[in-house]
N, C-alpha and C. Protein backbone atom coordinates (compact mmCIF):
# COMPACT_ATOMS: atom_id res chain seq x y z
N MET A 1 0.97 -1.15 -0.14
CA MET A 1 0.10 0.08 0.12
C MET A 1 0.72 1.03 0.33
N GLY A 2 0.60 2.28 -1.12
CA GLY A 2 1.70 2.99 -1.33
C GLY A 2 1.16 4.52 0.05
N SER A 3 2.27 4.93 0.54
CA SER A 3 2.03 5.92 1.22
C SER A 3 1.18 7.45 0.25
N THR A 4 0.39 8.11 0.92
CA THR A 4 -0.48 9.29 0.62
C THR A 4 0.39 10.29 1.24
N SER A 5 0.11 11.53 0.30
CA SER A 5 0.55 12.65 1.21
C SER A 5 -0.22 13.47 1.64
N PRO A 6 -0.42 14.14 2.60
CA PRO A 6 -1.64 15.00 3.28
C PRO A 6 -1.92 15.99 2.50
N GLU A 7 -2.80 16.47 2.96
CA GLU A 7 -3.57 17.43 1.93
C GLU A 7 -3.39 18.76 2.70
N TYR A 8 -3.60 19.72 2.13
CA TYR A 8 -3.36 20.94 2.98
C TYR A 8 -4.43 21.96 2.53
N ALA A 9 -5.26 22.89 2.93
CA ALA A 9 -6.47 23.61 2.62
C ALA A 9 -5.94 25.27 2.88
N TYR A 10 -5.64 26.17 1.64
CA TYR A 10 -4.80 27.58 2.05
C TYR A 10 -5.90 28.13 1.70
N LEU A 11 -6.18 29.49 2.96
CA LEU A 11 -6.99 30.41 2.13
C LEU A 11 -6.01 31.66 1.84
N GLU A 12 -7.25 31.86 0.56
CA GLU A 12 -6.85 33.34 -0.41
C GLU A 12 -6.84 34.54 0.48
N LYS A 13 -7.93 34.31 1.30
CA LYS A 13 -8.42 35.67 2.16
C LYS A 13 -8.08 35.61 3.94
N ASN A 14 -7.73 36.84 4.68
CA ASN A 14 -8.22 36.59 5.78
C ASN A 14 -9.32 37.04 5.96
N LEU A 15 -10.02 36.13 6.78
CA LEU A 15 -11.41 36.03 7.16
C LEU A 15 -11.39 36.77 8.58
N ALA A 16 -10.85 37.58 8.79
CA ALA A 16 -10.81 38.38 10.09
C ALA A 16 -10.20 39.85 9.99
N GLU A 17 -9.62 40.05 8.53
CA GLU A 17 -9.38 41.23 8.65
C GLU A 17 -10.52 42.30 8.71
N LYS A 18 -11.62 42.56 8.79
CA LYS A 18 -12.75 43.06 9.00
C LYS A 18 -12.93 43.85 10.45
N ILE A 19 -12.23 42.53 11.26
CA ILE A 19 -13.00 42.83 12.82
C ILE A 19 -12.02 43.60 13.62
N LYS A 20 -12.68 44.39 14.10
CA LYS A 20 -11.62 45.70 14.78
C LYS A 20 -11.15 44.97 15.86
N ARG A 21 -9.70 45.58 16.28
CA ARG A 21 -9.06 44.76 17.19
C ARG A 21 -9.19 45.93 18.61
N LEU A 22 -9.46 44.90 19.15
CA LEU A 22 -9.86 45.81 20.64
C LEU A 22 -9.06 46.79 21.55
N GLU A 23 -8.89 47.38 21.94
CA GLU A 23 -8.10 48.29 22.82
C GLU A 23 -7.92 47.85 23.80
N VAL A 24 -6.72 47.93 24.53
CA VAL A 24 -5.87 47.18 25.65
C VAL A 24 -5.96 48.32 26.75
N TYR A 25 -6.54 47.84 27.45
CA TYR A 25 -6.63 49.34 28.77
C TYR A 25 -6.00 48.90 30.10
N ARG A 26 -4.83 49.21 30.41
CA ARG A 26 -3.96 49.11 31.96
C ARG A 26 -4.45 49.74 32.74
N LYS A 27 -4.72 49.07 34.02
CA LYS A 27 -5.45 49.57 34.99
C LYS A 27 -3.86 50.43 35.87
N GLY A 28 -4.13 51.26 36.17
CA GLY A 28 -3.44 51.99 36.84
C GLY A 28 -3.16 52.07 38.36
N ASN A 29 -2.02 52.15 38.85
CA ASN A 29 -1.80 52.28 40.39
C ASN A 29 -2.61 53.04 40.92
N THR A 30 -3.53 52.99 41.56
CA THR A 30 -4.01 54.18 42.42
C THR A 30 -3.77 54.19 43.94
N PRO A 31 -3.01 55.66 44.09
CA PRO A 31 -2.84 56.16 45.61
C PRO A 31 -3.72 56.79 46.31
N PHE A 32 -3.93 56.92 47.89
CA PHE A 32 -5.03 57.72 48.15
C PHE A 32 -4.98 59.11 48.38
N ARG A 33 -5.91 59.83 47.43
CA ARG A 33 -6.15 60.99 47.70
C ARG A 33 -5.64 61.75 49.37
N ASN A 34 -5.28 62.91 49.40
CA ASN A 34 -4.69 63.54 50.46
C ASN A 34 -5.89 63.56 51.54
N GLN A 35 -6.96 63.69 51.39
CA GLN A 35 -8.33 64.16 51.79
C GLN A 35 -8.70 63.16 52.59
N VAL A 36 -8.42 62.03 51.92
CA VAL A 36 -8.95 60.78 52.98
C VAL A 36 -7.78 59.79 53.40
N PHE A 37 -6.18 59.97 53.19
CA PHE A 37 -5.31 59.15 53.60
C PHE A 37 -5.52 59.17 55.30
N SER A 38 -5.42 60.70 55.82
CA SER A 38 -5.76 60.85 57.41
C SER A 38 -6.56 60.38 57.89
N LYS A 39 -7.92 60.36 57.35
CA LYS A 39 -9.27 60.18 57.63
C LYS A 39 -9.33 59.04 58.06
N ILE A 40 -8.82 57.93 56.84
CA ILE A 40 -9.18 56.20 57.12
C ILE A 40 -7.96 55.92 58.11
N LEU A 41 -6.77 56.59 57.79
CA LEU A 41 -5.68 55.85 59.53
C LEU A 41 -6.68 56.05 60.35
N GLU A 42 -6.94 56.71 60.66
CA GLU A 42 -7.27 57.69 61.99
C GLU A 42 -8.98 56.37 62.47
N LYS A 43 -9.54 56.53 61.72
CA LYS A 43 -10.82 55.42 61.80
C LYS A 43 -10.48 54.41 61.62
N MET A 44 -9.35 53.66 61.49
CA MET A 44 -9.15 52.10 61.55
C MET A 44 -8.52 51.79 62.77
N LYS A 45 -7.84 53.17 63.17
CA LYS A 45 -6.62 52.77 64.43
C LYS A 45 -7.57 53.02 65.44
N ASP A 46 -9.32 53.85 65.57
CA ASP A 46 -10.31 54.26 66.71
C ASP A 46 -10.93 52.49 66.64
N ASP A 47 -11.33 51.60 65.36
CA ASP A 47 -12.27 50.98 65.50
C ASP A 47 -11.81 49.81 65.01
N GLU A 48 -10.37 49.64 64.01
CA GLU A 48 -10.23 48.16 63.77
C GLU A 48 -8.60 48.54 63.87
N PRO A 49 -8.17 48.38 64.80
CA PRO A 49 -6.45 48.03 65.42
C PRO A 49 -5.78 47.46 64.47
N ASP A 50 -6.00 45.89 64.39
CA ASP A 50 -5.46 45.18 63.88
C ASP A 50 -5.26 45.81 61.88
N LEU A 51 -6.31 45.99 61.93
CA LEU A 51 -6.03 46.62 60.20
C LEU A 51 -5.58 47.86 60.16
N TYR A 52 -5.72 48.37 61.34
CA TYR A 52 -4.24 49.61 60.89
C TYR A 52 -3.09 49.25 61.26
N GLN A 53 -2.74 48.58 62.08
CA GLN A 53 -1.01 47.74 61.96
C GLN A 53 -0.84 47.44 60.69
N PHE A 54 -1.83 46.43 60.22
CA PHE A 54 -1.38 45.92 59.14
C PHE A 54 -1.72 46.61 57.62
N SER A 55 -2.15 47.79 57.69
CA SER A 55 -2.38 48.93 56.71
C SER A 55 -0.47 49.59 56.87
N ARG A 56 -0.21 49.55 57.99
CA ARG A 56 1.00 50.30 58.58
C ARG A 56 2.17 49.58 57.71
N PHE A 57 1.92 48.40 58.02
CA PHE A 57 2.83 47.91 57.28
C PHE A 57 2.94 47.66 55.91
N ILE A 58 1.84 47.50 55.10
CA ILE A 58 2.03 47.66 53.91
C ILE A 58 2.62 48.70 53.60
N TYR A 59 2.41 49.82 54.48
CA TYR A 59 2.57 51.13 53.97
C TYR A 59 4.41 51.17 54.11
N TYR A 60 4.68 51.29 55.25
CA TYR A 60 6.27 51.02 55.37
C TYR A 60 7.31 49.98 54.51
N SER A 61 6.47 48.66 54.51
CA SER A 61 7.47 47.70 53.45
C SER A 61 7.10 47.72 52.61
N CYS A 62 6.15 48.33 51.87
CA CYS A 62 5.21 47.93 50.54
C CYS A 62 5.36 46.51 49.91
N MET A 63 4.66 45.64 51.07
CA MET A 63 4.44 43.91 50.87
C MET A 63 3.14 44.13 49.93
N ARG A 64 3.14 42.98 48.79
CA ARG A 64 2.08 42.94 48.60
C ARG A 64 0.86 42.15 49.76
N PRO A 65 -0.02 42.62 50.38
CA PRO A 65 -1.23 42.51 51.22
C PRO A 65 -1.45 40.45 51.58
N ASP A 66 -2.06 40.32 51.00
CA ASP A 66 -2.28 38.89 50.81
C ASP A 66 -1.06 37.87 50.38
N ALA A 67 -0.21 37.81 49.07
CA ALA A 67 0.77 37.06 48.84
C ALA A 67 1.78 37.41 49.75
N GLU A 68 2.27 38.44 50.44
CA GLU A 68 3.11 38.89 51.06
C GLU A 68 3.09 38.63 52.68
N LEU A 69 2.58 39.70 52.82
CA LEU A 69 2.57 40.49 53.93
C LEU A 69 1.29 39.63 54.72
N ARG A 70 0.41 39.14 54.74
CA ARG A 70 -0.13 37.73 55.38
C ARG A 70 0.78 36.69 56.10
N TYR A 71 1.78 36.01 54.84
CA TYR A 71 2.33 35.06 55.28
C TYR A 71 3.94 35.24 56.39
N LEU A 72 4.00 36.82 56.72
CA LEU A 72 5.05 37.12 57.05
C LEU A 72 5.08 36.73 58.33
N GLN A 73 6.49 36.06 59.12
CA GLN A 73 6.74 35.47 60.05
C GLN A 73 7.56 36.41 60.79
N VAL A 74 7.63 35.86 62.16
CA VAL A 74 8.67 36.62 62.99
C VAL A 74 9.96 36.30 62.70
N GLY A 75 9.96 35.32 62.52
CA GLY A 75 12.05 35.09 61.41
C GLY A 75 12.56 35.46 60.74
N HIS A 76 11.34 36.39 59.99
CA HIS A 76 12.02 36.69 58.88
C HIS A 76 12.25 38.09 59.01
N ILE A 77 12.18 39.13 59.99
CA ILE A 77 12.25 40.34 60.68
C ILE A 77 13.45 40.14 61.28
N ASP A 78 14.67 41.01 60.46
CA ASP A 78 15.69 40.85 61.57
C ASP A 78 16.25 42.74 61.60
N LEU A 79 15.86 42.97 62.83
CA LEU A 79 16.00 44.10 63.93
C LEU A 79 17.42 44.55 63.60
N HIS A 80 18.51 43.47 63.64
CA HIS A 80 19.47 43.85 63.90
C HIS A 80 20.44 44.50 62.79
N ARG A 81 19.73 43.87 61.63
CA ARG A 81 20.42 44.15 60.26
C ARG A 81 19.52 44.94 59.49
N ARG A 82 18.21 45.22 60.26
CA ARG A 82 17.06 46.23 59.69
C ARG A 82 16.67 45.88 58.36
N LEU A 83 16.47 44.62 58.29
CA LEU A 83 15.61 43.96 56.87
C LEU A 83 14.64 42.95 57.45
N ILE A 84 14.10 42.90 56.14
CA ILE A 84 12.64 42.10 56.42
C ILE A 84 12.74 40.85 55.28
N GLN A 85 12.48 39.39 55.57
CA GLN A 85 12.98 38.76 54.32
C GLN A 85 11.75 38.37 53.61
N VAL A 86 12.04 38.09 52.27
CA VAL A 86 10.73 38.00 51.31
C VAL A 86 11.06 36.63 51.00
N PRO A 87 10.48 35.42 51.68
CA PRO A 87 11.21 34.04 50.65
C PRO A 87 10.47 33.83 49.33
N PHE A 88 11.04 33.70 48.75
CA PHE A 88 11.12 32.92 47.43
C PHE A 88 9.83 32.84 47.12
N GLY A 89 9.10 31.63 47.81
CA GLY A 89 7.76 30.85 47.60
C GLY A 89 7.05 32.28 47.47
N ASN A 90 6.95 33.41 48.09
CA ASN A 90 5.66 34.42 48.11
C ASN A 90 5.89 35.51 47.39
N SER A 91 7.54 35.67 47.07
CA SER A 91 8.09 37.00 46.46
C SER A 91 7.37 36.73 45.05
N LYS A 92 7.12 38.39 44.63
CA LYS A 92 6.85 37.93 43.00
C LYS A 92 7.47 37.81 42.02
N LYS A 93 8.32 38.04 42.61
CA LYS A 93 9.85 37.86 41.26
C LYS A 93 10.28 36.18 41.57
N LYS A 94 9.56 35.45 42.36
CA LYS A 94 10.28 34.09 42.86
C LYS A 94 11.42 33.83 43.13
N LYS A 95 12.04 34.74 44.04
CA LYS A 95 13.58 34.61 44.68
C LYS A 95 13.43 35.81 46.27
N THR A 96 14.21 34.80 46.96
CA THR A 96 13.97 35.81 47.79
C THR A 96 14.39 37.48 48.00
N GLN A 97 14.28 38.21 48.36
CA GLN A 97 14.24 39.47 48.72
C GLN A 97 14.44 39.59 49.76
N TYR A 98 15.03 41.26 50.02
CA TYR A 98 14.62 41.54 51.27
C TYR A 98 14.63 42.98 51.39
N ILE A 99 13.95 43.75 52.17
CA ILE A 99 13.30 44.85 52.78
C ILE A 99 13.89 45.94 53.42
N PRO A 100 14.33 47.12 53.50
CA PRO A 100 15.15 47.48 54.38
C PRO A 100 13.96 48.40 55.59
N ILE A 101 14.35 48.71 56.62
CA ILE A 101 13.37 48.77 57.92
C ILE A 101 13.73 49.99 58.13
N ASP A 102 13.17 51.24 57.87
CA ASP A 102 13.70 53.04 58.35
C ASP A 102 13.58 53.27 59.66
N ASP A 103 13.67 53.95 60.10
CA ASP A 103 13.63 54.62 61.44
C ASP A 103 12.17 54.57 62.17
N GLN A 104 11.45 55.03 61.29
CA GLN A 104 9.90 54.80 61.84
C GLN A 104 9.53 53.63 61.74
N PHE A 105 9.66 52.72 60.84
CA PHE A 105 8.99 51.21 61.13
C PHE A 105 9.59 50.67 62.08
N LEU A 106 11.16 50.58 62.56
CA LEU A 106 11.90 50.34 63.38
C LEU A 106 10.96 50.28 64.63
N GLU A 107 10.68 51.35 64.90
CA GLU A 107 9.65 52.21 66.53
C GLU A 107 8.60 50.97 66.31
N ILE A 108 7.87 50.52 65.04
CA ILE A 108 6.49 50.08 65.33
C ILE A 108 7.48 48.76 65.54
N LEU A 109 7.91 47.81 64.84
CA LEU A 109 8.57 46.75 65.18
C LEU A 109 8.68 46.41 66.75
N GLU A 110 9.53 47.30 66.81
CA GLU A 110 10.71 47.32 68.32
C GLU A 110 8.94 46.95 69.66
N GLU A 111 8.13 48.16 69.05
CA GLU A 111 7.54 48.04 70.09
C GLU A 111 6.65 46.73 70.51
N MET A 112 6.07 45.72 69.22
CA MET A 112 5.71 44.88 68.84
C MET A 112 6.07 43.83 70.15
N GLU A 113 7.64 43.75 70.11
CA GLU A 113 8.35 42.69 70.88
C GLU A 113 8.21 41.38 70.17
N LEU A 114 8.77 41.65 69.43
CA LEU A 114 8.69 40.53 68.32
C LEU A 114 9.35 38.95 69.35
N ASP A 115 10.65 39.74 69.66
CA ASP A 115 11.38 38.43 70.61
C ASP A 115 10.57 37.78 71.59
N LYS A 116 9.68 37.99 71.77
CA LYS A 116 8.87 36.93 72.81
C LYS A 116 8.16 35.78 72.27
N TYR A 117 8.15 35.92 70.37
CA TYR A 117 7.49 34.91 70.06
C TYR A 117 8.28 33.57 69.46
N LYS A 118 7.85 33.14 68.43
CA LYS A 118 8.29 31.41 68.58
C LYS A 118 8.66 32.39 66.70
N GLU A 119 9.83 31.57 66.26
CA GLU A 119 10.29 32.03 64.32
C GLU A 119 9.37 32.38 63.30
N SER A 120 8.78 30.80 63.91
CA SER A 120 7.83 30.57 63.14
C SER A 120 6.43 31.21 63.05
N ASP A 121 6.45 31.93 64.19
CA ASP A 121 4.73 32.98 64.53
C ASP A 121 4.50 33.72 63.07
N PHE A 122 3.41 33.38 62.72
CA PHE A 122 2.91 34.70 62.06
C PHE A 122 2.99 35.93 62.39
N VAL A 123 3.33 37.35 62.19
CA VAL A 123 3.19 38.42 62.39
C VAL A 123 1.77 38.76 62.60
N PHE A 124 0.59 38.61 62.01
CA PHE A 124 -0.43 38.43 62.05
C PHE A 124 -1.34 37.81 62.54
N SER A 125 -1.95 37.31 63.17
CA SER A 125 -2.59 35.96 63.83
C SER A 125 -3.82 36.33 64.63
N LYS A 126 -4.57 35.65 65.23
CA LYS A 126 -5.68 36.19 66.04
C LYS A 126 -4.81 36.41 67.29
N ASP A 127 -5.91 37.52 67.58
CA ASP A 127 -6.15 38.07 69.15
C ASP A 127 -4.80 39.30 69.01
N GLY A 128 -4.68 39.84 67.66
CA GLY A 128 -3.35 41.08 67.55
C GLY A 128 -2.54 40.56 67.55
N ARG A 129 -2.31 39.53 67.87
CA ARG A 129 -0.89 39.33 68.04
C ARG A 129 -0.15 38.12 67.38
N PRO A 130 1.14 37.98 66.92
CA PRO A 130 1.61 37.00 66.20
C PRO A 130 1.33 35.79 66.82
N GLY A 131 1.11 34.49 66.02
CA GLY A 131 0.69 33.34 66.69
C GLY A 131 1.01 32.20 65.26
N ALA A 132 0.30 31.39 65.44
CA ALA A 132 0.86 29.95 64.84
C ALA A 132 0.08 29.69 63.35
N THR A 133 -1.47 30.28 63.54
CA THR A 133 -2.29 30.75 62.39
C THR A 133 -2.30 31.95 61.79
N CYS A 134 -2.02 31.99 60.24
CA CYS A 134 -1.93 33.25 59.60
C CYS A 134 -3.62 33.19 59.44
N PHE A 135 -3.78 34.57 58.88
CA PHE A 135 -5.15 34.65 58.67
C PHE A 135 -5.82 34.21 57.19
N TYR A 136 -6.73 34.08 56.63
CA TYR A 136 -7.49 33.99 55.51
C TYR A 136 -7.45 34.64 54.44
N GLU A 137 -7.15 34.34 53.31
CA GLU A 137 -6.79 35.13 52.18
C GLU A 137 -8.28 36.34 51.99
N GLY A 138 -7.50 37.84 52.17
CA GLY A 138 -9.10 38.62 52.04
C GLY A 138 -9.83 38.82 53.43
N TYR A 139 -9.00 38.30 54.61
CA TYR A 139 -9.52 38.93 55.67
C TYR A 139 -9.33 40.46 55.64
N PHE A 140 -8.11 40.79 55.31
CA PHE A 140 -7.88 42.24 55.62
C PHE A 140 -8.73 43.01 54.93
N ARG A 141 -8.75 42.65 53.26
CA ARG A 141 -9.71 43.41 52.25
C ARG A 141 -11.32 43.39 53.00
N LYS A 142 -11.46 42.33 53.91
CA LYS A 142 -13.08 42.35 53.72
C LYS A 142 -13.18 43.60 54.87
N LYS A 143 -12.65 43.66 56.11
CA LYS A 143 -12.48 44.25 56.85
C LYS A 143 -12.37 45.75 55.98
N PHE A 144 -12.08 45.76 55.10
CA PHE A 144 -11.63 47.50 54.76
C PHE A 144 -12.76 47.90 54.03
N ILE A 145 -13.72 47.01 53.87
CA ILE A 145 -15.07 47.20 52.71
C ILE A 145 -15.69 48.51 53.66
N PRO A 146 -16.09 48.15 54.68
CA PRO A 146 -16.96 48.69 55.17
C PRO A 146 -17.04 50.42 55.66
N LEU A 147 -15.05 50.43 55.53
CA LEU A 147 -14.91 51.51 56.49
C LEU A 147 -14.87 52.57 54.77
N LYS A 148 -14.31 51.84 53.70
CA LYS A 148 -14.10 52.52 52.21
C LYS A 148 -15.60 53.02 51.87
N LYS A 149 -17.09 52.35 52.51
CA LYS A 149 -18.29 52.83 52.10
C LYS A 149 -18.67 54.24 53.24
N GLU A 150 -17.89 53.93 54.38
CA GLU A 150 -18.38 54.90 55.32
C GLU A 150 -17.52 55.90 54.92
N LEU A 151 -16.52 56.14 53.99
CA LEU A 151 -15.81 57.47 54.11
C LEU A 151 -15.61 57.70 52.51
N LYS A 152 -16.41 57.33 51.98
CA LYS A 152 -16.57 57.54 50.63
C LYS A 152 -15.35 57.27 49.51
N ILE A 153 -14.54 56.19 49.94
CA ILE A 153 -13.71 55.83 49.26
C ILE A 153 -13.37 55.50 47.63
N ASN A 154 -13.04 55.90 46.98
CA ASN A 154 -12.82 55.58 45.51
C ASN A 154 -12.42 53.88 45.84
N ASN A 155 -13.25 53.31 43.86
CA ASN A 155 -12.93 51.84 44.25
C ASN A 155 -11.66 51.17 43.88
N GLY A 156 -11.03 52.23 43.20
CA GLY A 156 -10.02 52.19 43.17
C GLY A 156 -8.75 52.43 44.28
N GLU A 157 -8.99 52.84 45.63
CA GLU A 157 -7.98 52.93 46.25
C GLU A 157 -8.15 51.68 46.93
N THR A 158 -7.52 51.01 47.42
CA THR A 158 -7.41 49.29 47.91
C THR A 158 -6.41 49.76 49.00
N LEU A 159 -6.46 48.30 50.05
CA LEU A 159 -5.83 48.24 51.00
C LEU A 159 -3.87 48.38 50.16
N TYR A 160 -3.59 48.21 48.94
CA TYR A 160 -2.45 48.14 48.25
C TYR A 160 -2.41 49.53 47.99
N SER A 161 -3.06 50.40 48.39
CA SER A 161 -3.16 51.79 47.64
C SER A 161 -1.78 52.41 48.90
N PHE A 162 -1.71 51.96 49.94
CA PHE A 162 -1.07 52.22 51.10
C PHE A 162 0.01 52.00 50.42
N LYS A 163 0.52 50.87 49.77
CA LYS A 163 2.43 51.32 49.24
C LYS A 163 2.18 52.17 48.17
N HIS A 164 1.35 52.78 47.24
CA HIS A 164 1.73 53.32 46.51
C HIS A 164 1.64 54.81 46.59
N THR A 165 0.99 54.86 48.05
CA THR A 165 0.89 56.52 48.78
C THR A 165 2.09 56.60 49.08
N ARG A 166 2.47 55.41 49.65
CA ARG A 166 4.15 55.48 50.37
C ARG A 166 4.96 55.90 49.57
N CYS A 167 5.02 55.25 47.95
CA CYS A 167 6.21 55.93 47.41
C CYS A 167 5.74 57.24 46.89
N ILE A 168 4.69 57.66 46.72
CA ILE A 168 4.74 59.14 46.07
C ILE A 168 5.09 59.73 47.89
N HIS A 169 4.98 60.21 48.40
CA HIS A 169 5.25 60.48 49.54
C HIS A 169 6.91 60.51 49.77
N LEU A 170 7.22 59.46 49.37
CA LEU A 170 9.41 59.26 49.17
C LEU A 170 9.50 60.41 48.08
N VAL A 171 8.94 59.61 46.83
CA VAL A 171 8.89 61.37 46.16
C VAL A 171 9.07 62.44 46.62
N GLU A 172 7.94 62.92 47.11
CA GLU A 172 7.17 63.97 47.41
C GLU A 172 8.89 64.69 48.18
N ASP A 173 9.00 63.61 49.34
CA ASP A 173 10.03 64.25 50.54
C ASP A 173 11.56 64.26 49.86
N GLY A 174 11.79 63.90 48.28
CA GLY A 174 12.92 64.15 48.02
C GLY A 174 13.84 62.85 48.49
N GLU A 175 13.50 61.67 48.33
CA GLU A 175 14.21 60.56 48.77
C GLU A 175 14.96 60.20 46.85
N LYS A 176 15.83 59.48 47.29
CA LYS A 176 16.54 59.18 45.69
C LYS A 176 15.86 57.93 44.97
N LEU A 177 16.18 57.71 43.81
CA LEU A 177 15.32 56.91 43.05
C LEU A 177 16.08 55.36 43.61
N HIS A 178 17.33 55.08 44.03
CA HIS A 178 17.69 53.99 44.03
C HIS A 178 17.27 53.40 45.37
N ASN A 179 16.95 54.51 46.53
CA ASN A 179 16.48 53.68 47.60
C ASN A 179 15.33 53.35 47.55
N ILE A 180 14.21 54.01 46.89
CA ILE A 180 12.92 53.68 46.68
C ILE A 180 12.55 52.58 45.74
N ILE A 181 13.41 52.22 44.79
CA ILE A 181 13.55 50.57 44.47
C ILE A 181 14.06 49.87 44.99
N LYS A 182 14.55 49.43 46.19
CA LYS A 182 14.86 48.97 46.91
C LYS A 182 13.65 48.31 47.60
N LEU A 183 12.67 49.42 47.87
CA LEU A 183 11.44 49.09 48.99
C LEU A 183 10.19 48.44 47.39
N THR A 184 10.53 49.00 46.62
CA THR A 184 8.94 48.76 45.39
C THR A 184 9.98 47.21 44.74
N ARG A 185 11.08 47.07 44.61
CA ARG A 185 11.73 45.82 44.25
C ARG A 185 12.00 45.69 42.74
N HIS A 186 11.59 46.46 42.23
CA HIS A 186 11.47 46.75 40.76
C HIS A 186 12.91 46.07 40.54
N LYS A 187 13.36 46.08 39.25
CA LYS A 187 13.97 45.02 38.88
C LYS A 187 15.28 46.42 38.24
N THR A 188 14.86 47.24 37.59
CA THR A 188 15.39 48.44 37.08
C THR A 188 15.06 49.82 36.99
N LEU A 189 15.83 50.89 36.95
CA LEU A 189 15.09 51.83 37.06
C LEU A 189 13.96 52.44 36.10
N ALA A 190 13.72 51.91 34.74
CA ALA A 190 13.18 52.31 33.98
C ALA A 190 11.52 51.86 34.27
N GLU A 191 11.63 50.19 35.16
CA GLU A 191 10.43 49.78 35.77
C GLU A 191 10.12 50.22 36.98
N LEU A 192 10.56 51.40 37.54
CA LEU A 192 10.04 52.05 38.51
C LEU A 192 9.81 52.95 37.79
N MET A 193 10.31 53.72 37.14
CA MET A 193 9.65 55.44 36.07
C MET A 193 8.17 55.33 36.01
N ASP A 194 8.24 54.03 35.11
CA ASP A 194 6.94 53.31 34.45
C ASP A 194 6.08 53.44 35.79
N TYR A 195 6.28 52.72 37.13
CA TYR A 195 5.42 52.86 37.71
C TYR A 195 4.53 54.10 38.52
N LEU A 196 6.58 55.27 38.38
CA LEU A 196 5.37 56.03 39.57
C LEU A 196 4.49 57.12 38.18
N LYS A 197 4.72 56.98 36.59
CA LYS A 197 4.31 57.58 36.19
C LYS A 197 2.60 57.15 35.89
N ASP A 198 2.83 55.88 36.01
CA ASP A 198 1.02 55.33 36.36
C ASP A 198 0.45 56.07 37.14
N MET A 199 1.05 56.75 38.32
CA MET A 199 0.50 57.58 39.38
C MET A 199 0.51 59.24 39.47
N GLY A 200 0.97 59.31 37.97
CA GLY A 200 0.58 60.41 38.11
C GLY A 200 2.09 61.35 37.94
N VAL A 201 3.04 60.47 38.74
CA VAL A 201 4.70 61.31 39.17
C VAL A 201 5.40 61.49 38.14
N ILE A 202 5.74 62.96 37.90
CA ILE A 202 6.50 63.51 37.14
C ILE A 202 7.78 64.03 37.63
N LEU A 203 8.73 63.28 37.52
CA LEU A 203 10.15 63.48 38.05
C LEU A 203 10.91 64.47 36.86
N GLY A 204 11.88 64.82 37.91
CA GLY A 204 13.25 65.81 37.04
C GLY A 204 12.55 67.06 37.64
N ASP A 205 13.07 68.29 36.68
CA ASP A 205 12.60 69.37 37.07
C ASP A 205 10.96 69.94 37.15
N GLU A 206 10.51 70.89 37.56
CA GLU A 206 9.39 71.48 37.45
C GLU A 206 8.74 71.47 36.09
N VAL A 207 7.76 71.14 35.90
CA VAL A 207 6.76 71.11 34.78
C VAL A 207 6.55 72.89 34.32
N LYS A 208 6.92 73.63 33.43
CA LYS A 208 6.10 74.62 33.40
C LYS A 208 5.82 75.03 31.53
N PHE A 209 4.76 74.73 31.42
CA PHE A 209 4.40 74.91 29.84
C PHE A 209 4.57 76.52 29.34
N LYS A 210 4.76 76.75 28.47
CA LYS A 210 4.42 77.98 27.71
C LYS A 210 2.82 78.06 27.29
N SER A 211 2.11 78.81 27.97
CA SER A 211 0.97 78.77 27.76
C SER A 211 0.27 80.23 26.68
N ARG A 212 -0.60 80.47 26.16
CA ARG A 212 -1.18 81.89 25.80
C ARG A 212 -2.70 81.63 26.42
N SER A 213 -2.93 83.04 26.65
CA SER A 213 -4.31 83.53 27.26
C SER A 213 -5.37 83.14 25.61
N ILE A 214 -6.30 82.89 26.02
CA ILE A 214 -7.24 82.68 24.79
C ILE A 214 -8.64 83.21 25.65
C-alpha cells in the first residue's frame, strides 16, 4: 500500500481582517487622595486596630497584602540588620528578596516585642498578636470594605494603595530613586519610572509650559 501525501487547505483571504481590534486598557496604580489618607488611618486606629497595624506594614514595607504580608513570620524580621526577608515562595519575582527597615518602621517593630514569640509565628494572627496561624486570604480586605463605604473612598483605592501612597510620599520628600527601588523591588530604574508614571508622578525639573491666554 503506497503512502499518501497529506492534503492542505490554503485560505486566499484573511477572514478576520475586517474585525476591529479591541483596545487594551492598562489598570493604573491608585494611591490614596490626600483628603482621605489621614481620615482612613484615624478611622482604622479607633475602630480596627489590627487593620490599622496591617495597613501601616503595607505602607512601610511596600509588601503585597495577601501574597506576602499575610505570610510574614517573626523569623523573617531581622531588627539587627534592619531587614525583612520575603521568601522566594511568596515573592512576586520568585526569589528571596530583602526590604530595608527605616527608623519609623523600626519603632513600630520594637514596640511589638517580637522577641517574645517563636520565629515560626505569623506576625498577623488571632487576638492581634503573632501566632501559629495566619489569616485567610482577603481577611483584611473584607474588613476594609465597610470603612471604604463609610468614608466614600473610591473603588480604585484599596489596601495596596498604602504602598502606592508611600512611594509618592518618598518622591515628594526628595528620597533618591535608588533607595525607593529597594522598597518597591523593581528590577530596573525604568520599571520604577513606569510605575511612578502610572500614578501621575512627574520626575525631574518642574514642568512649566509656555501657554497663551485665549
